[in-house]
């Protein structure tokens, strides 16, 4: 046998053996031999006293104030008319610097 061929055969045998060991270890782990979790700290043991947790103080919810009074909800037709107007303004370039929220307030105020 040539030296290069012998080296290849030896190398392939080593790789095969190594893969066999890895697969055997993987099969053992899969079969239920998983490592145990770390030991529980003594402060959390069942025999010890549980830590006392302080209850948060009850806080009254802050009143939500709005700078603007709430307007009645617009109808579907009003929203459709404003959205068509907005779309046409965007196509023509007249809506530069505007955002929908500001435009819709003015449009719904007109309709």
C-alpha atoms as a PDB file:
ATOM      1  CA  UNK A   1       0.000   0.000   0.000  1.00  0.00           C
ATOM      2  CA  UNK A   2       1.288   3.477  -0.804  1.00  0.00           C
ATOM      3  CA  UNK A   3       2.056   5.814   2.138  1.00  0.00           C
ATOM      4  CA  UNK A   4      -0.570   8.366   1.085  1.00  0.00           C
ATOM      5  CA  UNK A   5      -3.232   5.695   0.851  1.00  0.00           C
ATOM      6  CA  UNK A   6      -2.284   4.343   4.278  1.00  0.00           C
ATOM      7  CA  UNK A   7      -2.537   7.814   5.792  1.00  0.00           C
ATOM      8  CA  UNK A   8      -5.968   8.293   4.235  1.00  0.00           C
ATOM      9  CA  UNK A   9      -7.177   4.932   5.545  1.00  0.00           C
ATOM     10  CA  UNK A  10      -5.865   5.756   9.018  1.00  0.00           C
ATOM     11  CA  UNK A  11      -7.456   9.197   8.946  1.00  0.00           C
ATOM     12  CA  UNK A  12     -10.799   7.863   7.788  1.00  0.00           C
ATOM     13  CA  UNK A  13     -10.730   5.200  10.509  1.00  0.00           C
ATOM     14  CA  UNK A  14     -10.064   7.874  13.149  1.00  0.00           C
ATOM     15  CA  UNK A  15     -12.877  10.066  11.861  1.00  0.00           C
ATOM     16  CA  UNK A  16     -15.254   7.096  11.823  1.00  0.00           C
ATOM     17  CA  UNK A  17     -14.333   6.186  15.392  1.00  0.00           C
ATOM     18  CA  UNK A  18     -14.759   9.770  16.546  1.00  0.00           C
ATOM     19  CA  UNK A  19     -18.176  10.023  14.873  1.00  0.00           C
ATOM     20  CA  UNK A  20     -19.175   6.769  16.517  1.00  0.00           C
ATOM     21  CA  UNK A  21     -18.299   8.167  19.946  1.00  0.00           C
ATOM     22  CA  UNK A  22     -20.200  11.376  19.293  1.00  0.00           C
ATOM     23  CA  UNK A  23     -23.266   9.498  18.057  1.00  0.00           C
ATOM     24  CA  UNK A  24     -23.163   7.109  21.026  1.00  0.00           C
ATOM     25  CA  UNK A  25     -23.013  10.074  23.428  1.00  0.00           C
ATOM     26  CA  UNK A  26     -25.900  11.762  21.607  1.00  0.00           C
ATOM     27  CA  UNK A  27     -27.990   8.592  21.800  1.00  0.00           C
ATOM     28  CA  UNK A  28     -27.362   8.276  25.540  1.00  0.00           C
ATOM     29  CA  UNK A  29     -28.394  11.889  26.087  1.00  0.00           C
ATOM     30  CA  UNK A  30     -31.529  11.387  24.028  1.00  0.00           C
ATOM     31  CA  UNK A  31     -32.475   8.243  25.953  1.00  0.00           C
ATOM     32  CA  UNK A  32     -32.890  10.251  29.160  1.00  0.00           C
ATOM     33  CA  UNK A  33     -29.435  10.598  30.602  1.00  0.00           C
ATOM     34  CA  UNK A  34     -29.479  14.355  30.695  1.00  0.00           C
ATOM     35  CA  UNK A  35     -27.382  16.239  33.229  1.00  0.00           C
ATOM     36  CA  UNK A  36     -29.051  17.286  36.474  1.00  0.00           C
ATOM     37  CA  UNK A  37     -29.767  20.945  37.170  1.00  0.00           C
ATOM     38  CA  UNK A  38     -27.492  22.812  39.587  1.00  0.00           C
ATOM     39  CA  UNK A  39     -28.262  22.455  43.308  1.00  0.00           C
ATOM     40  CA  UNK A  40     -30.905  24.758  44.751  1.00  0.00           C
ATOM     41  CA  UNK A  41     -29.549  27.680  46.816  1.00  0.00           C
ATOM     42  CA  UNK A  42     -29.974  27.229  50.562  1.00  0.00           C
ATOM     43  CA  UNK A  43     -31.979  30.458  50.798  1.00  0.00           C
ATOM     44  CA  UNK A  44     -34.658  28.853  48.617  1.00  0.00           C
ATOM     45  CA  UNK A  45     -34.733  25.461  50.285  1.00  0.00           C
ATOM     46  CA  UNK A  46     -38.143  24.132  51.406  1.00  0.00           C
ATOM     47  CA  UNK A  47     -37.079  23.949  55.074  1.00  0.00           C
ATOM     48  CA  UNK A  48     -35.896  27.566  55.223  1.00  0.00           C
ATOM     49  CA  UNK A  49     -38.113  30.553  55.711  1.00  0.00           C
ATOM     50  CA  UNK A  50     -39.466  32.062  52.559  1.00  0.00           C
ATOM     51  CA  UNK A  51     -38.298  35.597  51.876  1.00  0.00           C
ATOM     52  CA  UNK A  52     -40.828  38.251  52.802  1.00  0.00           C
ATOM     53  CA  UNK A  53     -41.915  40.282  49.818  1.00  0.00           C
ATOM     54  CA  UNK A  54     -43.112  43.812  50.352  1.00  0.00           C
ATOM     55  CA  UNK A  55     -46.484  44.550  48.766  1.00  0.00           C
ATOM     56  CA  UNK A  56     -46.439  47.554  46.452  1.00  0.00           C
ATOM     57  CA  UNK A  57     -48.429  50.493  47.637  1.00  0.00           C
ATOM     58  CA  UNK A  58     -51.721  51.080  45.915  1.00  0.00           C
ATOM     59  CA  UNK A  59     -51.464  54.068  43.645  1.00  0.00           C
ATOM     60  CA  UNK A  60     -54.516  55.789  42.260  1.00  0.00           C
ATOM     61  CA  UNK A  61     -54.455  55.893  38.465  1.00  0.00           C
ATOM     62  CA  UNK A  62     -53.563  59.276  37.112  1.00  0.00           C
ATOM     63  CA  UNK A  63     -56.377  61.138  35.495  1.00  0.00           C
ATOM     64  CA  UNK A  64     -55.920  61.173  31.749  1.00  0.00           C
ATOM     65  CA  UNK A  65     -56.361  64.656  30.473  1.00  0.00           C
ATOM     66  CA  UNK A  66     -56.503  65.528  26.836  1.00  0.00           C
ATOM     67  CA  UNK A  67     -55.619  68.900  25.416  1.00  0.00           C
ATOM     68  CA  UNK A  68     -58.415  68.503  22.909  1.00  0.00           C
ATOM     69  CA  UNK A  69     -61.989  67.559  23.721  1.00  0.00           C
ATOM     70  CA  UNK A  70     -63.072  64.278  22.191  1.00  0.00           C
ATOM     71  CA  UNK A  71     -64.953  64.643  18.953  1.00  0.00           C
ATOM     72  CA  UNK A  72     -67.696  62.230  17.965  1.00  0.00           C
ATOM     73  CA  UNK A  73     -66.535  59.317  15.857  1.00  0.00           C
ATOM     74  CA  UNK A  74     -66.769  60.179  12.140  1.00  0.00           C
ATOM     75  CA  UNK A  75     -69.001  58.179   9.864  1.00  0.00           C
ATOM     76  CA  UNK A  76     -67.679  55.787   7.241  1.00  0.00           C
ATOM     77  CA  UNK A  77     -68.731  58.169   4.443  1.00  0.00           C
ATOM     78  CA  UNK A  78     -66.862  61.081   6.030  1.00  0.00           C
ATOM     79  CA  UNK A  79     -63.709  59.001   6.387  1.00  0.00           C
ATOM     80  CA  UNK A  80     -63.982  57.772   2.812  1.00  0.00           C
ATOM     81  CA  UNK A  81     -64.401  61.310   1.444  1.00  0.00           C
ATOM     82  CA  UNK A  82     -61.414  62.543   3.448  1.00  0.00           C
ATOM     83  CA  UNK A  83     -59.260  59.589   2.435  1.00  0.00           C
ATOM     84  CA  UNK A  84     -60.040  60.158  -1.258  1.00  0.00           C
ATOM     85  CA  UNK A  85     -59.207  63.843  -0.889  1.00  0.00           C
ATOM     86  CA  UNK A  86     -55.961  62.912   0.919  1.00  0.00           C
ATOM     87  CA  UNK A  87     -55.017  60.434  -1.812  1.00  0.00           C
ATOM     88  CA  UNK A  88     -55.599  63.046  -4.535  1.00  0.00           C
ATOM     89  CA  UNK A  89     -53.545  65.612  -2.614  1.00  0.00           C
ATOM     90  CA  UNK A  90     -50.683  63.122  -2.249  1.00  0.00           C
ATOM     91  CA  UNK A  91     -50.765  62.344  -5.991  1.00  0.00           C
ATOM     92  CA  UNK A  92     -50.742  66.005  -6.953  1.00  0.00           C
ATOM     93  CA  UNK A  93     -47.996  66.887  -4.456  1.00  0.00           C
ATOM     94  CA  UNK A  94     -50.155  69.304  -2.471  1.00  0.00           C
ATOM     95  CA  UNK A  95     -49.718  67.302   0.751  1.00  0.00           C
ATOM     96  CA  UNK A  96     -46.035  68.082   1.180  1.00  0.00           C
ATOM     97  CA  UNK A  97     -45.314  68.641   4.858  1.00  0.00           C
ATOM     98  CA  UNK A  98     -48.717  67.365   5.949  1.00  0.00           C
ATOM     99  CA  UNK A  99     -49.462  64.172   7.788  1.00  0.00           C
ATOM    100  CA  UNK A 100     -52.739  62.281   7.745  1.00  0.00           C
ATOM    101  CA  UNK A 101     -53.563  63.025  11.368  1.00  0.00           C
ATOM    102  CA  UNK A 102     -53.452  66.795  10.866  1.00  0.00           C
ATOM    103  CA  UNK A 103     -55.233  66.641   7.509  1.00  0.00           C
ATOM    104  CA  UNK A 104     -57.982  64.375   8.823  1.00  0.00           C
ATOM    105  CA  UNK A 105     -58.751  66.750  11.686  1.00  0.00           C
ATOM    106  CA  UNK A 106     -59.246  69.645   9.305  1.00  0.00           C
ATOM    107  CA  UNK A 107     -61.103  67.560   6.726  1.00  0.00           C
ATOM    108  CA  UNK A 108     -63.480  65.976   9.242  1.00  0.00           C
ATOM    109  CA  UNK A 109     -64.107  69.425  10.712  1.00  0.00           C
ATOM    110  CA  UNK A 110     -65.254  70.647   7.298  1.00  0.00           C
ATOM    111  CA  UNK A 111     -67.464  67.636   6.530  1.00  0.00           C
END
